[in-house]
Amino acid sequence: MDMLIVSLLIFCVVAGILAFTLGAREPGKKISAAPALACPPGFSPALAYKEKYGDNGIAYDEKQKAICILTPNGQPSPVIAYQEILAAAVFEDDILMAKSVRADEPGKQLLSQILSEDIKALFQDNAEPGSEDHKPSSSGTSSHIELRMLINHPVQPIHHIHFLNMEAKKGGIIHKEAVDQVKNWQDLLSYLIRLAGKAEAQPATSSPQPSPSQQATAQK
């Protein structure tokens, strides 16, 4: 009987130690996920993507409507307000698949200040500014899917994020996952670009002009 009691006590002690150890590790795993994004304090990512084939990535704070550009370890990850996003484009094997560009007058002015011939070449296509054009590719395989962002920044205006960097069969699991992910981010960036254009135009339209009858009344 004594041996049974001792065995039960030992079992309870060991079980308690294991439960404490496992319970202590789980919060650590959850906490370690956020610092890996390397975004500044105060940035709360609702969505995030980090390259499988590199160190770059992107995160989105829905409350602030801001983008965090994830960079290789040791480098600061800048936070970009949605008003500073000027263009976003998706390229598959160097073929333009989709593009969105600021088309409002303030946005065009910012673009004119930052666009060089090299930058234009990275976003060059036949679509009108601000349009989105999805083009299918005829090849049976794909090896590169990339999101290119242009932001209002004097030093580093271009950011590249790769969603596929290996040969994959089109329609296969790897290719479909990359296409779905990059499309979701392109759609989000397109929304933010349109929102920035509306926000810039709002001050000019927020003060309506008086009607002719109101003007006549004021002159009496």
Protein backbone atom coordinates (compact mmCIF):
# COMPACT_ATOMS: atom_id res chain seq x y z
CA MET A 1 0.00 0.00 0.00
CA ASP A 2 2.83 2.37 0.90
CA MET A 3 4.53 1.71 -2.43
CA LEU A 4 1.27 2.48 -4.24
CA ILE A 5 0.89 5.80 -2.42
CA VAL A 6 4.53 6.71 -3.15
CA SER A 7 4.11 5.82 -6.81
CA LEU A 8 0.97 7.96 -7.03
CA LEU A 9 2.76 10.88 -5.40
CA ILE A 10 5.70 10.58 -7.79
CA PHE A 11 3.31 10.41 -10.77
CA CYS A 12 1.47 13.53 -9.59
CA VAL A 13 4.72 15.46 -9.09
CA VAL A 14 6.06 14.50 -12.54
CA ALA A 15 2.73 15.32 -14.20
CA GLY A 16 2.66 18.68 -12.46
CA ILE A 17 6.19 19.51 -13.64
CA LEU A 18 5.35 18.56 -17.22
CA ALA A 19 2.15 20.57 -17.18
CA PHE A 20 3.96 23.63 -15.82
CA THR A 21 6.78 23.30 -18.37
CA LEU A 22 4.45 22.90 -21.35
CA GLY A 23 2.19 25.66 -20.13
CA ALA A 24 5.17 28.01 -19.76
CA ARG A 25 6.41 27.34 -23.27
CA GLU A 26 3.15 28.06 -25.13
CA PRO A 27 2.97 31.83 -24.36
CA GLY A 28 6.60 32.10 -25.42
CA LYS A 29 5.73 30.70 -28.84
CA LYS A 30 2.91 33.19 -29.25
CA ILE A 31 5.05 36.12 -28.15
CA SER A 32 7.97 35.19 -30.41
CA ALA A 33 5.76 35.43 -33.50
CA ALA A 34 5.34 39.22 -33.25
CA PRO A 35 9.02 40.25 -32.86
CA ALA A 36 9.81 38.19 -35.97
CA LEU A 37 7.92 40.80 -37.99
CA ALA A 38 10.29 43.49 -36.66
CA CYS A 39 7.65 46.19 -36.97
CA PRO A 40 7.94 49.22 -34.66
CA PRO A 41 6.00 49.34 -31.37
CA GLY A 42 2.42 50.47 -31.81
CA PHE A 43 2.00 48.66 -35.11
CA SER A 44 -0.63 45.92 -34.76
CA PRO A 45 -0.64 43.66 -37.84
CA ALA A 46 -4.01 42.27 -38.83
CA LEU A 47 -2.40 40.61 -41.89
CA ALA A 48 1.20 39.68 -42.57
CA TYR A 49 3.22 37.86 -45.19
CA LYS A 50 6.90 36.92 -45.06
CA GLU A 51 8.77 35.47 -48.02
CA LYS A 52 9.37 31.75 -48.01
CA TYR A 53 12.42 32.30 -50.18
CA GLY A 54 13.89 35.42 -48.56
CA ASP A 55 13.66 37.90 -45.71
CA ASN A 56 11.32 40.54 -47.12
CA GLY A 57 7.62 40.78 -46.41
CA ILE A 58 4.66 43.00 -45.72
CA ALA A 59 2.21 43.56 -42.87
CA TYR A 60 -0.98 45.60 -42.58
CA ASP A 61 -2.38 47.47 -39.58
CA GLU A 62 -6.09 47.77 -40.29
CA LYS A 63 -6.75 50.34 -37.55
CA GLN A 64 -4.04 52.73 -38.74
CA LYS A 65 -4.44 51.75 -42.41
CA ALA A 66 -0.67 51.53 -42.58
CA ILE A 67 1.79 49.11 -44.17
CA CYS A 68 4.94 47.77 -42.52
CA ILE A 69 7.66 46.76 -44.97
CA LEU A 70 9.40 43.72 -43.53
CA THR A 71 13.14 43.78 -44.21
CA PRO A 72 16.07 41.39 -43.56
CA ASN A 73 17.14 40.90 -39.96
CA GLY A 74 18.96 43.85 -38.45
CA GLN A 75 17.41 46.41 -40.75
CA PRO A 76 14.56 48.71 -39.67
CA SER A 77 11.11 47.87 -41.01
CA PRO A 78 9.49 51.16 -42.03
CA VAL A 79 5.80 51.85 -41.50
CA ILE A 80 4.12 53.50 -44.50
CA ALA A 81 0.89 55.48 -44.15
CA TYR A 82 -1.62 54.61 -46.85
CA GLN A 83 -1.39 58.17 -48.21
CA GLU A 84 2.26 57.51 -49.13
CA ILE A 85 1.53 54.46 -51.32
CA LEU A 86 1.76 55.64 -54.93
CA ALA A 87 1.63 52.42 -56.97
CA ALA A 88 1.46 48.64 -56.65
CA ALA A 89 1.95 46.06 -59.38
CA VAL A 90 2.12 42.28 -59.73
CA PHE A 91 4.55 40.68 -62.17
CA GLU A 92 4.71 37.01 -63.08
CA ASP A 93 7.85 36.02 -64.94
CA ASP A 94 8.37 39.75 -65.69
CA ILE A 95 4.91 40.02 -67.28
CA LEU A 96 2.58 42.60 -65.75
CA MET A 97 -0.48 40.94 -64.24
CA ALA A 98 -2.08 43.81 -62.32
CA LYS A 99 -1.34 47.43 -61.48
CA SER A 100 -2.86 50.28 -59.52
CA VAL A 101 -1.51 53.84 -59.51
CA ARG A 102 -2.53 57.08 -57.81
CA ALA A 103 -4.58 58.99 -60.40
CA ASP A 104 -5.67 62.03 -58.35
CA GLU A 105 -3.89 65.36 -58.90
CA PRO A 106 -1.91 65.36 -55.60
CA GLY A 107 -0.89 61.77 -56.31
CA LYS A 108 0.24 62.68 -59.83
CA GLN A 109 2.33 65.52 -58.43
CA LEU A 110 4.05 63.15 -56.01
CA LEU A 111 4.65 60.69 -58.85
CA SER A 112 6.17 63.38 -61.05
CA GLN A 113 8.64 64.25 -58.29
CA ILE A 114 9.76 60.70 -57.63
CA LEU A 115 9.54 58.96 -61.00
CA SER A 116 12.78 58.39 -62.84
CA GLU A 117 13.27 56.41 -66.04
CA ASP A 118 14.46 53.40 -64.04
CA ILE A 119 11.40 53.49 -61.79
CA LYS A 120 9.07 53.94 -64.76
CA ALA A 121 10.58 50.84 -66.35
CA LEU A 122 9.71 48.77 -63.27
CA PHE A 123 6.02 49.65 -63.64
CA GLN A 124 5.85 50.12 -67.41
CA ASP A 125 2.78 48.82 -69.24
CA ASN A 126 0.15 50.00 -71.71
CA ALA A 127 -2.61 50.54 -69.14
CA GLU A 128 -3.78 53.98 -68.15
CA PRO A 129 -2.63 55.32 -64.74
CA GLY A 130 -4.86 54.05 -61.98
CA SER A 131 -6.20 51.09 -63.96
CA GLU A 132 -5.83 47.42 -63.13
CA ASP A 133 -5.14 44.87 -65.84
CA HIS A 134 -5.02 41.10 -65.23
CA LYS A 135 -3.33 39.23 -68.03
CA PRO A 136 -3.10 35.43 -68.27
CA SER A 137 0.22 33.83 -69.15
CA SER A 138 0.37 31.08 -71.76
CA SER A 139 3.29 29.05 -70.39
CA GLY A 140 2.58 25.87 -68.41
CA THR A 141 4.97 26.74 -65.59
CA SER A 142 5.91 29.83 -63.63
CA SER A 143 9.08 30.58 -61.68
CA HIS A 144 8.64 34.09 -60.32
CA ILE A 145 5.72 36.07 -58.88
CA GLU A 146 6.54 39.45 -57.41
CA LEU A 147 4.72 42.41 -55.85
CA ARG A 148 6.32 45.79 -56.52
CA MET A 149 5.41 48.81 -54.42
CA LEU A 150 6.19 52.46 -55.08
CA ILE A 151 6.01 54.74 -52.05
CA ASN A 152 6.65 58.40 -51.46
CA HIS A 153 10.20 58.10 -50.11
CA PRO A 154 13.27 60.02 -51.34
CA VAL A 155 15.81 57.27 -50.59
CA GLN A 156 14.05 53.92 -51.03
CA PRO A 157 10.84 54.34 -53.03
CA ILE A 158 10.75 50.79 -54.46
CA HIS A 159 10.03 47.61 -52.50
CA HIS A 160 9.97 44.09 -53.94
CA ILE A 161 8.15 41.20 -52.25
CA HIS A 162 8.40 37.73 -53.79
CA PHE A 163 5.56 35.26 -53.54
CA LEU A 164 7.11 32.63 -55.82
CA ASN A 165 10.79 32.10 -56.57
CA MET A 166 10.94 28.57 -57.91
CA GLU A 167 9.57 26.74 -60.91
CA ALA A 168 6.01 25.59 -60.28
CA LYS A 169 3.24 24.18 -62.43
CA LYS A 170 0.49 26.69 -63.10
CA GLY A 171 -2.68 25.64 -61.37
CA GLY A 172 -0.71 23.46 -58.96
CA ILE A 173 -0.82 23.90 -55.20
CA ILE A 174 2.36 26.00 -54.93
CA HIS A 175 1.48 28.28 -57.83
CA LYS A 176 -2.15 28.70 -56.76
CA GLU A 177 -1.15 29.60 -53.21
CA ALA A 178 1.27 32.26 -54.49
CA VAL A 179 -1.30 33.69 -56.90
CA ASP A 180 -4.00 33.85 -54.23
CA GLN A 181 -1.69 35.54 -51.73
CA VAL A 182 -0.31 38.14 -54.11
CA LYS A 183 -3.80 38.92 -55.43
CA ASN A 184 -5.08 39.52 -51.91
CA TRP A 185 -2.25 41.97 -51.21
CA GLN A 186 -2.64 43.68 -54.58
CA ASP A 187 -6.36 44.13 -53.96
CA LEU A 188 -5.64 45.58 -50.52
CA LEU A 189 -3.01 47.99 -51.84
CA SER A 190 -5.32 49.03 -54.68
CA TYR A 191 -8.00 49.82 -52.12
CA LEU A 192 -5.54 51.91 -50.07
CA ILE A 193 -4.37 53.75 -53.20
CA ARG A 194 -7.95 54.62 -54.13
CA LEU A 195 -8.63 55.65 -50.53
CA ALA A 196 -5.59 57.94 -50.55
CA GLY A 197 -6.85 59.61 -53.72
CA LYS A 198 -10.26 60.21 -52.18
CA ALA A 199 -8.71 61.54 -48.97
CA GLU A 200 -6.56 64.01 -50.90
CA ALA A 201 -9.53 65.19 -52.95
CA GLN A 202 -11.83 65.56 -49.93
CA PRO A 203 -10.56 68.97 -48.66
CA ALA A 204 -11.24 70.54 -52.06
CA THR A 205 -14.84 69.32 -52.09
CA SER A 206 -15.67 69.58 -48.39
CA SER A 207 -16.64 73.28 -48.57
CA PRO A 208 -19.53 73.58 -51.05
CA GLN A 209 -19.95 76.82 -52.95
CA PRO A 210 -23.07 78.89 -52.12
CA SER A 211 -25.97 78.57 -54.54
CA PRO A 212 -26.95 81.53 -56.76
CA SER A 213 -29.92 82.27 -54.51
CA GLN A 214 -27.69 82.34 -51.44
CA GLN A 215 -25.26 84.68 -53.24
CA ALA A 216 -28.14 86.98 -54.17
CA THR A 217 -29.38 87.04 -50.58
CA ALA A 218 -25.89 87.85 -49.31
CA GLN A 219 -25.59 90.78 -51.69
CA LYS A 220 -28.83 92.43 -50.49
